[in-house]
Each structure stands twice: as structure tokens, then as C-alpha cells.
All heavy atoms as atom14 arrays in JSON, in Angstrom:
{
  "sequence": "ALAWIKRMDSSGGAGSLPGITGFRKAILERPDSLKNVDDATLGEIVA",
  "atom14_mask": [
    [1, 1, 1, 1, 1, 0, 0, 0, 0, 0, 0, 0, 0, 0],
    [1, 1, 1, 1, 1, 1, 1, 1, 0, 0, 0, 0, 0, 0],
    [1, 1, 1, 1, 1, 0, 0, 0, 0, 0, 0, 0, 0, 0],
    [1, 1, 1, 1, 1, 1, 1, 1, 1, 1, 1, 1, 1, 1],
    [1, 1, 1, 1, 1, 1, 1, 1, 0, 0, 0, 0, 0, 0],
    [1, 1, 1, 1, 1, 1, 1, 1, 1, 0, 0, 0, 0, 0],
    [1, 1, 1, 1, 1, 1, 1, 1, 1, 1, 1, 0, 0, 0],
    [1, 1, 1, 1, 1, 1, 1, 1, 0, 0, 0, 0, 0, 0],
    [1, 1, 1, 1, 1, 1, 1, 1, 0, 0, 0, 0, 0, 0],
    [1, 1, 1, 1, 1, 1, 0, 0, 0, 0, 0, 0, 0, 0],
    [1, 1, 1, 1, 1, 1, 0, 0, 0, 0, 0, 0, 0, 0],
    [1, 1, 1, 1, 0, 0, 0, 0, 0, 0, 0, 0, 0, 0],
    [1, 1, 1, 1, 0, 0, 0, 0, 0, 0, 0, 0, 0, 0],
    [1, 1, 1, 1, 1, 0, 0, 0, 0, 0, 0, 0, 0, 0],
    [1, 1, 1, 1, 0, 0, 0, 0, 0, 0, 0, 0, 0, 0],
    [1, 1, 1, 1, 1, 1, 0, 0, 0, 0, 0, 0, 0, 0],
    [1, 1, 1, 1, 1, 1, 1, 1, 0, 0, 0, 0, 0, 0],
    [1, 1, 1, 1, 1, 1, 1, 0, 0, 0, 0, 0, 0, 0],
    [1, 1, 1, 1, 0, 0, 0, 0, 0, 0, 0, 0, 0, 0],
    [1, 1, 1, 1, 1, 1, 1, 1, 0, 0, 0, 0, 0, 0],
    [1, 1, 1, 1, 1, 1, 1, 0, 0, 0, 0, 0, 0, 0],
    [1, 1, 1, 1, 0, 0, 0, 0, 0, 0, 0, 0, 0, 0],
    [1, 1, 1, 1, 1, 1, 1, 1, 1, 1, 1, 0, 0, 0],
    [1, 1, 1, 1, 1, 1, 1, 1, 1, 1, 1, 0, 0, 0],
    [1, 1, 1, 1, 1, 1, 1, 1, 1, 0, 0, 0, 0, 0],
    [1, 1, 1, 1, 1, 0, 0, 0, 0, 0, 0, 0, 0, 0],
    [1, 1, 1, 1, 1, 1, 1, 1, 0, 0, 0, 0, 0, 0],
    [1, 1, 1, 1, 1, 1, 1, 1, 0, 0, 0, 0, 0, 0],
    [1, 1, 1, 1, 1, 1, 1, 1, 1, 0, 0, 0, 0, 0],
    [1, 1, 1, 1, 1, 1, 1, 1, 1, 1, 1, 0, 0, 0],
    [1, 1, 1, 1, 1, 1, 1, 0, 0, 0, 0, 0, 0, 0],
    [1, 1, 1, 1, 1, 1, 1, 1, 0, 0, 0, 0, 0, 0],
    [1, 1, 1, 1, 1, 1, 0, 0, 0, 0, 0, 0, 0, 0],
    [1, 1, 1, 1, 1, 1, 1, 1, 0, 0, 0, 0, 0, 0],
    [1, 1, 1, 1, 1, 1, 1, 1, 1, 0, 0, 0, 0, 0],
    [1, 1, 1, 1, 1, 1, 1, 1, 0, 0, 0, 0, 0, 0],
    [1, 1, 1, 1, 1, 1, 1, 0, 0, 0, 0, 0, 0, 0],
    [1, 1, 1, 1, 1, 1, 1, 1, 0, 0, 0, 0, 0, 0],
    [1, 1, 1, 1, 1, 1, 1, 1, 0, 0, 0, 0, 0, 0],
    [1, 1, 1, 1, 1, 0, 0, 0, 0, 0, 0, 0, 0, 0],
    [1, 1, 1, 1, 1, 1, 1, 0, 0, 0, 0, 0, 0, 0],
    [1, 1, 1, 1, 1, 1, 1, 1, 0, 0, 0, 0, 0, 0],
    [1, 1, 1, 1, 0, 0, 0, 0, 0, 0, 0, 0, 0, 0],
    [1, 1, 1, 1, 1, 1, 1, 1, 1, 0, 0, 0, 0, 0],
    [1, 1, 1, 1, 1, 1, 1, 1, 0, 0, 0, 0, 0, 0],
    [1, 1, 1, 1, 1, 1, 1, 0, 0, 0, 0, 0, 0, 0],
    [1, 1, 1, 1, 1, 0, 0, 0, 0, 0, 0, 0, 0, 0]
  ],
  "atom14_positions": [
    [[0.62, 6.69, -0.81], [-0.27, 6.11, 0.12], [0.51, 4.95, 0.93], [0.58, 4.86, 2.02], [-1.48, 5.5, -0.35], [0.0, 0.0, 0.0], [0.0, 0.0, 0.0], [0.0, 0.0, 0.0], [0.0, 0.0, 0.0], [0.0, 0.0, 0.0], [0.0, 0.0, 0.0], [0.0, 0.0, 0.0], [0.0, 0.0, 0.0], [0.0, 0.0, 0.0]],
    [[1.34, 4.15, 0.1], [2.12, 3.05, 0.7], [3.25, 3.66, 1.66], [3.37, 3.2, 2.72], [2.8, 2.32, -0.43], [3.28, 0.94, 0.0], [2.27, 0.08, 0.71], [3.85, 0.19, -1.37], [0.0, 0.0, 0.0], [0.0, 0.0, 0.0], [0.0, 0.0, 0.0], [0.0, 0.0, 0.0], [0.0, 0.0, 0.0], [0.0, 0.0, 0.0]],
    [[3.79, 4.71, 1.2], [4.87, 5.38, 1.93], [4.19, 5.98, 3.31], [4.9, 5.89, 4.28], [5.54, 6.5, 1.26], [0.0, 0.0, 0.0], [0.0, 0.0, 0.0], [0.0, 0.0, 0.0], [0.0, 0.0, 0.0], [0.0, 0.0, 0.0], [0.0, 0.0, 0.0], [0.0, 0.0, 0.0], [0.0, 0.0, 0.0], [0.0, 0.0, 0.0]],
    [[3.14, 6.62, 3.24], [2.31, 6.97, 4.42], [2.16, 5.91, 5.28], [2.32, 6.02, 6.59], [1.07, 7.67, 4.05], [0.11, 8.0, 5.09], [-1.03, 7.43, 5.41], [0.23, 9.18, 6.09], [-1.51, 7.97, 6.66], [-0.86, 9.01, 6.84], [1.13, 10.09, 6.19], [-0.96, 9.88, 8.02], [1.02, 11.05, 7.19], [-0.04, 10.88, 8.17]],
    [[1.62, 4.66, 4.78], [1.38, 3.52, 5.71], [2.57, 3.11, 6.55], [2.65, 2.82, 7.55], [0.74, 2.48, 4.91], [-0.71, 2.81, 4.48], [0.78, 1.07, 5.64], [-1.27, 1.9, 3.4], [0.0, 0.0, 0.0], [0.0, 0.0, 0.0], [0.0, 0.0, 0.0], [0.0, 0.0, 0.0], [0.0, 0.0, 0.0], [0.0, 0.0, 0.0]],
    [[3.68, 3.06, 5.68], [4.92, 2.68, 6.27], [5.49, 3.6, 7.39], [5.91, 3.07, 8.45], [6.06, 2.54, 5.13], [5.88, 1.35, 4.27], [7.06, 1.3, 3.27], [6.72, 0.32, 2.18], [7.88, 0.5, 1.12], [0.0, 0.0, 0.0], [0.0, 0.0, 0.0], [0.0, 0.0, 0.0], [0.0, 0.0, 0.0], [0.0, 0.0, 0.0]],
    [[5.36, 4.86, 7.1], [5.63, 5.85, 8.08], [4.85, 5.72, 9.43], [5.33, 5.99, 10.34], [5.65, 7.39, 7.59], [6.66, 7.67, 6.69], [6.77, 9.22, 6.47], [5.65, 9.78, 6.0], [5.13, 9.86, 4.71], [6.09, 9.25, 3.8], [4.07, 10.39, 4.24], [0.0, 0.0, 0.0], [0.0, 0.0, 0.0], [0.0, 0.0, 0.0]],
    [[3.64, 5.46, 9.23], [2.72, 5.24, 10.39], [2.86, 3.97, 11.14], [2.08, 3.79, 12.16], [1.37, 5.63, 9.91], [1.05, 6.96, 9.43], [1.33, 8.25, 10.7], [2.71, 9.04, 10.02], [0.0, 0.0, 0.0], [0.0, 0.0, 0.0], [0.0, 0.0, 0.0], [0.0, 0.0, 0.0], [0.0, 0.0, 0.0], [0.0, 0.0, 0.0]],
    [[3.55, 3.13, 10.59], [3.69, 1.75, 11.13], [4.54, 1.79, 12.45], [5.65, 1.88, 12.39], [4.28, 0.78, 10.08], [4.49, -0.69, 10.78], [3.71, -0.95, 11.82], [5.18, -1.42, 10.13], [0.0, 0.0, 0.0], [0.0, 0.0, 0.0], [0.0, 0.0, 0.0], [0.0, 0.0, 0.0], [0.0, 0.0, 0.0], [0.0, 0.0, 0.0]],
    [[3.88, 1.62, 13.61], [4.59, 1.59, 14.78], [5.07, 0.24, 15.39], [5.87, 0.24, 16.26], [3.63, 2.25, 15.92], [2.5, 1.34, 16.13], [0.0, 0.0, 0.0], [0.0, 0.0, 0.0], [0.0, 0.0, 0.0], [0.0, 0.0, 0.0], [0.0, 0.0, 0.0], [0.0, 0.0, 0.0], [0.0, 0.0, 0.0], [0.0, 0.0, 0.0]],
    [[4.7, -0.68, 14.6], [5.09, -2.04, 14.95], [6.65, -2.44, 14.39], [7.09, -3.46, 14.56], [4.14, -3.16, 14.52], [4.23, -3.3, 13.0], [0.0, 0.0, 0.0], [0.0, 0.0, 0.0], [0.0, 0.0, 0.0], [0.0, 0.0, 0.0], [0.0, 0.0, 0.0], [0.0, 0.0, 0.0], [0.0, 0.0, 0.0], [0.0, 0.0, 0.0]],
    [[7.14, -1.57, 13.56], [8.32, -1.77, 12.81], [8.34, -2.88, 11.94], [9.21, -3.59, 11.45], [0.0, 0.0, 0.0], [0.0, 0.0, 0.0], [0.0, 0.0, 0.0], [0.0, 0.0, 0.0], [0.0, 0.0, 0.0], [0.0, 0.0, 0.0], [0.0, 0.0, 0.0], [0.0, 0.0, 0.0], [0.0, 0.0, 0.0], [0.0, 0.0, 0.0]],
    [[7.1, -3.0, 11.33], [6.82, -4.14, 10.3], [6.55, -5.47, 10.73], [6.42, -6.42, 9.93], [0.0, 0.0, 0.0], [0.0, 0.0, 0.0], [0.0, 0.0, 0.0], [0.0, 0.0, 0.0], [0.0, 0.0, 0.0], [0.0, 0.0, 0.0], [0.0, 0.0, 0.0], [0.0, 0.0, 0.0], [0.0, 0.0, 0.0], [0.0, 0.0, 0.0]],
    [[6.44, -5.61, 12.11], [6.3, -6.84, 12.6], [4.78, -7.24, 12.67], [4.47, -8.41, 12.81], [6.7, -6.9, 14.14], [0.0, 0.0, 0.0], [0.0, 0.0, 0.0], [0.0, 0.0, 0.0], [0.0, 0.0, 0.0], [0.0, 0.0, 0.0], [0.0, 0.0, 0.0], [0.0, 0.0, 0.0], [0.0, 0.0, 0.0], [0.0, 0.0, 0.0]],
    [[3.89, -6.36, 12.68], [2.5, -6.64, 12.72], [1.69, -6.2, 11.54], [2.29, -5.9, 10.47], [0.0, 0.0, 0.0], [0.0, 0.0, 0.0], [0.0, 0.0, 0.0], [0.0, 0.0, 0.0], [0.0, 0.0, 0.0], [0.0, 0.0, 0.0], [0.0, 0.0, 0.0], [0.0, 0.0, 0.0], [0.0, 0.0, 0.0], [0.0, 0.0, 0.0]],
    [[0.37, -6.1, 11.76], [-0.37, -5.66, 10.6], [-0.27, -4.3, 10.44], [-0.27, -3.44, 11.33], [-1.92, -5.94, 10.77], [-2.73, -5.52, 9.97], [0.0, 0.0, 0.0], [0.0, 0.0, 0.0], [0.0, 0.0, 0.0], [0.0, 0.0, 0.0], [0.0, 0.0, 0.0], [0.0, 0.0, 0.0], [0.0, 0.0, 0.0], [0.0, 0.0, 0.0]],
    [[-0.18, -3.79, 9.16], [0.07, -2.36, 8.94], [-1.13, -1.56, 9.03], [-2.29, -1.96, 8.51], [0.54, -2.13, 7.52], [1.98, -2.65, 7.24], [2.21, -2.39, 5.65], [2.99, -1.87, 7.99], [0.0, 0.0, 0.0], [0.0, 0.0, 0.0], [0.0, 0.0, 0.0], [0.0, 0.0, 0.0], [0.0, 0.0, 0.0], [0.0, 0.0, 0.0]],
    [[-1.25, -0.43, 9.78], [-2.42, 0.27, 9.95], [-2.64, 0.93, 8.66], [-1.84, 1.41, 7.83], [-1.98, 1.42, 11.03], [-0.51, 1.5, 10.76], [0.01, 0.23, 10.42], [0.0, 0.0, 0.0], [0.0, 0.0, 0.0], [0.0, 0.0, 0.0], [0.0, 0.0, 0.0], [0.0, 0.0, 0.0], [0.0, 0.0, 0.0], [0.0, 0.0, 0.0]],
    [[-3.93, 1.01, 8.29], [-4.43, 1.67, 7.0], [-4.3, 0.79, 5.88], [-4.81, 1.16, 4.75], [0.0, 0.0, 0.0], [0.0, 0.0, 0.0], [0.0, 0.0, 0.0], [0.0, 0.0, 0.0], [0.0, 0.0, 0.0], [0.0, 0.0, 0.0], [0.0, 0.0, 0.0], [0.0, 0.0, 0.0], [0.0, 0.0, 0.0], [0.0, 0.0, 0.0]],
    [[-3.92, -0.37, 5.91], [-3.78, -1.27, 4.8], [-5.09, -1.62, 4.23], [-5.22, -1.74, 2.97], [-2.92, -2.47, 4.97], [-2.4, -3.12, 3.68], [-3.66, -3.6, 5.79], [-1.39, -2.15, 3.04], [0.0, 0.0, 0.0], [0.0, 0.0, 0.0], [0.0, 0.0, 0.0], [0.0, 0.0, 0.0], [0.0, 0.0, 0.0], [0.0, 0.0, 0.0]],
    [[-6.13, -1.97, 4.97], [-7.46, -2.12, 4.51], [-8.06, -1.05, 3.56], [-8.47, -1.21, 2.44], [-8.31, -2.49, 5.73], [-7.95, -3.54, 6.49], [-9.8, -2.84, 5.14], [0.0, 0.0, 0.0], [0.0, 0.0, 0.0], [0.0, 0.0, 0.0], [0.0, 0.0, 0.0], [0.0, 0.0, 0.0], [0.0, 0.0, 0.0], [0.0, 0.0, 0.0]],
    [[-7.98, 0.17, 4.05], [-8.42, 1.31, 3.3], [-7.64, 1.4, 1.88], [-8.1, 1.78, 0.91], [0.0, 0.0, 0.0], [0.0, 0.0, 0.0], [0.0, 0.0, 0.0], [0.0, 0.0, 0.0], [0.0, 0.0, 0.0], [0.0, 0.0, 0.0], [0.0, 0.0, 0.0], [0.0, 0.0, 0.0], [0.0, 0.0, 0.0], [0.0, 0.0, 0.0]],
    [[-6.3, 1.25, 1.96], [-5.49, 1.31, 0.92], [-5.79, 0.3, -0.1], [-6.06, 0.65, -1.34], [-4.07, 1.05, 1.41], [-2.99, 0.97, 0.23], [-2.65, 2.05, -0.48], [-2.53, -0.33, -0.21], [-1.66, 1.99, -1.46], [-1.54, -0.37, -1.2], [-1.15, 0.68, -1.89], [0.0, 0.0, 0.0], [0.0, 0.0, 0.0], [0.0, 0.0, 0.0]],
    [[-6.13, -0.92, 0.37], [-6.5, -2.02, -0.69], [-7.79, -1.75, -1.24], [-8.09, -1.85, -2.48], [-6.51, -3.31, -0.02], [-5.22, -3.97, 0.37], [-5.17, -5.38, 0.78], [-5.85, -5.51, 2.07], [-5.36, -5.99, 3.07], [-4.15, -6.48, 3.02], [-6.11, -5.96, 4.34], [0.0, 0.0, 0.0], [0.0, 0.0, 0.0], [0.0, 0.0, 0.0]],
    [[-8.73, -1.16, -0.46], [-10.12, -0.86, -0.96], [-10.02, 0.2, -2.03], [-10.66, 0.11, -3.15], [-10.94, -0.28, 0.22], [-12.38, 0.02, -0.19], [-13.2, 0.6, 1.04], [-14.61, 0.93, 0.43], [-15.24, 1.83, 1.47], [0.0, 0.0, 0.0], [0.0, 0.0, 0.0], [0.0, 0.0, 0.0], [0.0, 0.0, 0.0], [0.0, 0.0, 0.0]],
    [[-9.22, 1.2, -1.75], [-9.09, 2.38, -2.76], [-8.42, 1.81, -4.12], [-8.85, 2.21, -5.17], [-8.29, 3.48, -2.19], [0.0, 0.0, 0.0], [0.0, 0.0, 0.0], [0.0, 0.0, 0.0], [0.0, 0.0, 0.0], [0.0, 0.0, 0.0], [0.0, 0.0, 0.0], [0.0, 0.0, 0.0], [0.0, 0.0, 0.0], [0.0, 0.0, 0.0]],
    [[-7.43, 0.94, -4.02], [-6.85, 0.39, -5.15], [-7.9, -0.54, -5.96], [-7.84, -0.34, -7.18], [-5.63, -0.5, -4.79], [-4.44, 0.33, -4.17], [-5.0, -1.25, -6.06], [-3.96, 1.39, -5.01], [0.0, 0.0, 0.0], [0.0, 0.0, 0.0], [0.0, 0.0, 0.0], [0.0, 0.0, 0.0], [0.0, 0.0, 0.0], [0.0, 0.0, 0.0]],
    [[-8.7, -1.11, -5.31], [-9.64, -1.89, -6.0], [-10.72, -1.05, -6.65], [-11.35, -1.34, -7.65], [-10.31, -2.92, -5.1], [-9.42, -4.09, -4.67], [-10.13, -4.97, -3.67], [-9.14, -4.93, -5.86], [0.0, 0.0, 0.0], [0.0, 0.0, 0.0], [0.0, 0.0, 0.0], [0.0, 0.0, 0.0], [0.0, 0.0, 0.0], [0.0, 0.0, 0.0]],
    [[-11.06, 0.1, -6.03], [-11.94, 1.08, -6.49], [-11.44, 1.87, -7.76], [-12.18, 2.2, -8.64], [-12.37, 2.0, -5.5], [-13.27, 1.44, -4.47], [-13.74, 2.38, -3.3], [-13.61, 3.61, -3.48], [-14.12, 1.98, -2.34], [0.0, 0.0, 0.0], [0.0, 0.0, 0.0], [0.0, 0.0, 0.0], [0.0, 0.0, 0.0], [0.0, 0.0, 0.0]],
    [[-10.16, 2.04, -7.66], [-9.42, 2.76, -8.75], [-8.26, 2.03, -9.22], [-7.15, 2.6, -9.08], [-8.96, 4.15, -8.2], [-9.89, 5.17, -8.67], [-9.41, 6.61, -8.84], [-8.62, 6.77, -9.96], [-7.71, 7.83, -9.95], [-7.5, 8.51, -8.99], [-7.04, 8.12, -11.12], [0.0, 0.0, 0.0], [0.0, 0.0, 0.0], [0.0, 0.0, 0.0]],
    [[-8.44, 0.96, -9.88], [-7.31, 0.17, -10.46], [-6.39, 1.07, -11.5], [-5.25, 0.73, -11.57], [-7.82, -1.1, -11.08], [-9.2, -0.72, -11.41], [-9.79, 0.37, -10.35], [0.0, 0.0, 0.0], [0.0, 0.0, 0.0], [0.0, 0.0, 0.0], [0.0, 0.0, 0.0], [0.0, 0.0, 0.0], [0.0, 0.0, 0.0], [0.0, 0.0, 0.0]],
    [[-7.0, 2.06, -12.1], [-6.29, 2.82, -13.01], [-5.06, 3.61, -12.35], [-4.17, 4.08, -12.98], [-7.11, 3.8, -13.83], [-7.83, 4.82, -12.85], [-8.57, 4.37, -11.96], [-7.71, 6.15, -13.12], [0.0, 0.0, 0.0], [0.0, 0.0, 0.0], [0.0, 0.0, 0.0], [0.0, 0.0, 0.0], [0.0, 0.0, 0.0], [0.0, 0.0, 0.0]],
    [[-5.16, 3.7, -10.98], [-4.13, 4.38, -10.34], [-2.87, 3.74, -10.34], [-1.7, 4.08, -10.06], [-4.56, 4.63, -8.68], [-4.61, 3.43, -7.99], [0.0, 0.0, 0.0], [0.0, 0.0, 0.0], [0.0, 0.0, 0.0], [0.0, 0.0, 0.0], [0.0, 0.0, 0.0], [0.0, 0.0, 0.0], [0.0, 0.0, 0.0], [0.0, 0.0, 0.0]],
    [[-2.78, 2.5, -10.8], [-1.59, 1.57, -10.9], [-0.9, 1.62, -12.26], [0.05, 1.04, -12.45], [-1.9, 0.14, -10.52], [-2.47, -0.12, -9.11], [-2.84, -1.59, -8.89], [-1.57, 0.42, -8.09], [0.0, 0.0, 0.0], [0.0, 0.0, 0.0], [0.0, 0.0, 0.0], [0.0, 0.0, 0.0], [0.0, 0.0, 0.0], [0.0, 0.0, 0.0]],
    [[-1.58, 2.4, -13.29], [-1.0, 2.28, -14.55], [0.33, 2.78, -14.73], [1.07, 2.22, -15.4], [-2.02, 3.27, -15.44], [-3.29, 2.53, -15.74], [-4.17, 3.48, -16.62], [-3.69, 3.3, -18.07], [-4.66, 3.92, -19.02], [0.0, 0.0, 0.0], [0.0, 0.0, 0.0], [0.0, 0.0, 0.0], [0.0, 0.0, 0.0], [0.0, 0.0, 0.0]],
    [[0.85, 3.75, -14.05], [2.19, 4.36, -14.09], [3.01, 3.97, -12.89], [4.05, 4.66, -12.68], [2.03, 5.74, -14.23], [1.32, 6.09, -15.59], [1.56, 5.54, -16.55], [0.38, 7.1, -15.58], [0.0, 0.0, 0.0], [0.0, 0.0, 0.0], [0.0, 0.0, 0.0], [0.0, 0.0, 0.0], [0.0, 0.0, 0.0], [0.0, 0.0, 0.0]],
    [[2.71, 2.94, -12.11], [3.45, 2.62, -10.84], [4.72, 1.77, -11.42], [4.55, 0.86, -12.21], [2.62, 1.74, -9.88], [3.45, 1.37, -8.83], [1.5, 2.67, -9.34], [0.0, 0.0, 0.0], [0.0, 0.0, 0.0], [0.0, 0.0, 0.0], [0.0, 0.0, 0.0], [0.0, 0.0, 0.0], [0.0, 0.0, 0.0], [0.0, 0.0, 0.0]],
    [[5.75, 2.11, -10.85], [7.06, 1.37, -11.31], [7.0, -0.09, -10.71], [6.13, -0.37, -9.85], [8.27, 2.01, -10.8], [8.38, 2.1, -9.33], [8.72, 1.1, -8.65], [8.03, 3.16, -8.72], [0.0, 0.0, 0.0], [0.0, 0.0, 0.0], [0.0, 0.0, 0.0], [0.0, 0.0, 0.0], [0.0, 0.0, 0.0], [0.0, 0.0, 0.0]],
    [[7.79, -0.93, -11.3], [7.61, -2.33, -10.85], [7.89, -2.72, -9.35], [7.29, -3.52, -8.86], [8.75, -3.26, -11.65], [8.17, -3.31, -13.17], [7.02, -2.77, -13.66], [8.93, -3.87, -14.0], [0.0, 0.0, 0.0], [0.0, 0.0, 0.0], [0.0, 0.0, 0.0], [0.0, 0.0, 0.0], [0.0, 0.0, 0.0], [0.0, 0.0, 0.0]],
    [[8.96, -1.93, -8.87], [9.27, -2.3, -7.45], [8.07, -1.8, -6.51], [7.73, -2.64, -5.57], [10.5, -1.37, -7.01], [0.0, 0.0, 0.0], [0.0, 0.0, 0.0], [0.0, 0.0, 0.0], [0.0, 0.0, 0.0], [0.0, 0.0, 0.0], [0.0, 0.0, 0.0], [0.0, 0.0, 0.0], [0.0, 0.0, 0.0], [0.0, 0.0, 0.0]],
    [[7.27, -0.66, -6.84], [6.26, -0.31, -6.07], [5.07, -1.17, -6.26], [4.44, -1.59, -5.38], [5.79, 1.23, -6.31], [6.98, 1.9, -6.13], [4.75, 1.62, -5.67], [0.0, 0.0, 0.0], [0.0, 0.0, 0.0], [0.0, 0.0, 0.0], [0.0, 0.0, 0.0], [0.0, 0.0, 0.0], [0.0, 0.0, 0.0], [0.0, 0.0, 0.0]],
    [[4.96, -1.57, -7.49], [3.84, -2.44, -7.8], [4.01, -4.01, -7.06], [3.02, -4.45, -6.55], [3.77, -2.87, -9.33], [2.58, -3.6, -9.87], [1.2, -3.02, -9.56], [2.8, -3.95, -11.32], [0.0, 0.0, 0.0], [0.0, 0.0, 0.0], [0.0, 0.0, 0.0], [0.0, 0.0, 0.0], [0.0, 0.0, 0.0], [0.0, 0.0, 0.0]],
    [[5.21, -4.41, -6.94], [5.5, -5.7, -6.2], [5.16, -5.37, -4.69], [4.56, -6.32, -4.1], [0.0, 0.0, 0.0], [0.0, 0.0, 0.0], [0.0, 0.0, 0.0], [0.0, 0.0, 0.0], [0.0, 0.0, 0.0], [0.0, 0.0, 0.0], [0.0, 0.0, 0.0], [0.0, 0.0, 0.0], [0.0, 0.0, 0.0], [0.0, 0.0, 0.0]],
    [[5.47, -4.26, -4.18], [5.22, -3.95, -2.87], [3.55, -3.99, -2.73], [3.04, -4.52, -1.57], [5.71, -2.56, -2.37], [7.09, -2.57, -1.96], [7.58, -1.32, -1.3], [7.14, -1.05, -0.14], [8.21, -0.49, -1.99], [0.0, 0.0, 0.0], [0.0, 0.0, 0.0], [0.0, 0.0, 0.0], [0.0, 0.0, 0.0], [0.0, 0.0, 0.0]],
    [[2.92, -3.39, -3.51], [1.5, -3.23, -3.43], [0.85, -4.55, -3.49], [0.0, -5.03, -2.71], [1.01, -2.35, -4.59], [1.24, -0.94, -4.3], [-0.52, -2.47, -4.72], [1.06, 0.0, -5.37], [0.0, 0.0, 0.0], [0.0, 0.0, 0.0], [0.0, 0.0, 0.0], [0.0, 0.0, 0.0], [0.0, 0.0, 0.0], [0.0, 0.0, 0.0]],
    [[1.35, -5.54, -4.47], [0.87, -6.9, -4.56], [1.03, -7.58, -3.28], [0.17, -8.34, -2.83], [1.55, -7.55, -5.76], [1.23, -9.13, -5.74], [1.02, -6.93, -7.07], [0.0, 0.0, 0.0], [0.0, 0.0, 0.0], [0.0, 0.0, 0.0], [0.0, 0.0, 0.0], [0.0, 0.0, 0.0], [0.0, 0.0, 0.0], [0.0, 0.0, 0.0]],
    [[2.25, -7.33, -2.65], [2.43, -8.09, -1.4], [1.52, -7.79, -0.26], [1.17, -8.57, 0.5], [3.88, -7.76, -0.99], [0.0, 0.0, 0.0], [0.0, 0.0, 0.0], [0.0, 0.0, 0.0], [0.0, 0.0, 0.0], [0.0, 0.0, 0.0], [0.0, 0.0, 0.0], [0.0, 0.0, 0.0], [0.0, 0.0, 0.0], [0.0, 0.0, 0.0]]
  ]
}
């Protein structure tokens, strides 16, 4: 999901990422999805 958001970012990282609100909502609804996430990805998600 994070990779998808980055691919769809037309601002080149300069603005708000499209889809980030839905992403955060899903993570809060299903925190167990973070159980096997590597540290680098977890750090990106936290950011």
C-alpha cells in the first residue's frame, strides 16, 4: 500500500501524498498488519 501511494504521488514528494488518509485508517483498523513489517518499512509508516 505504501509503495502504491508513492507511485501515485504526482507531487514528487513535495506535497501531501494521495491516499495517505485511507492508508492510515486501514492501519488503525488492522494493526495486526504491521506484525511482520520490517523496521525500515515500519519507520516509513510511522512517518
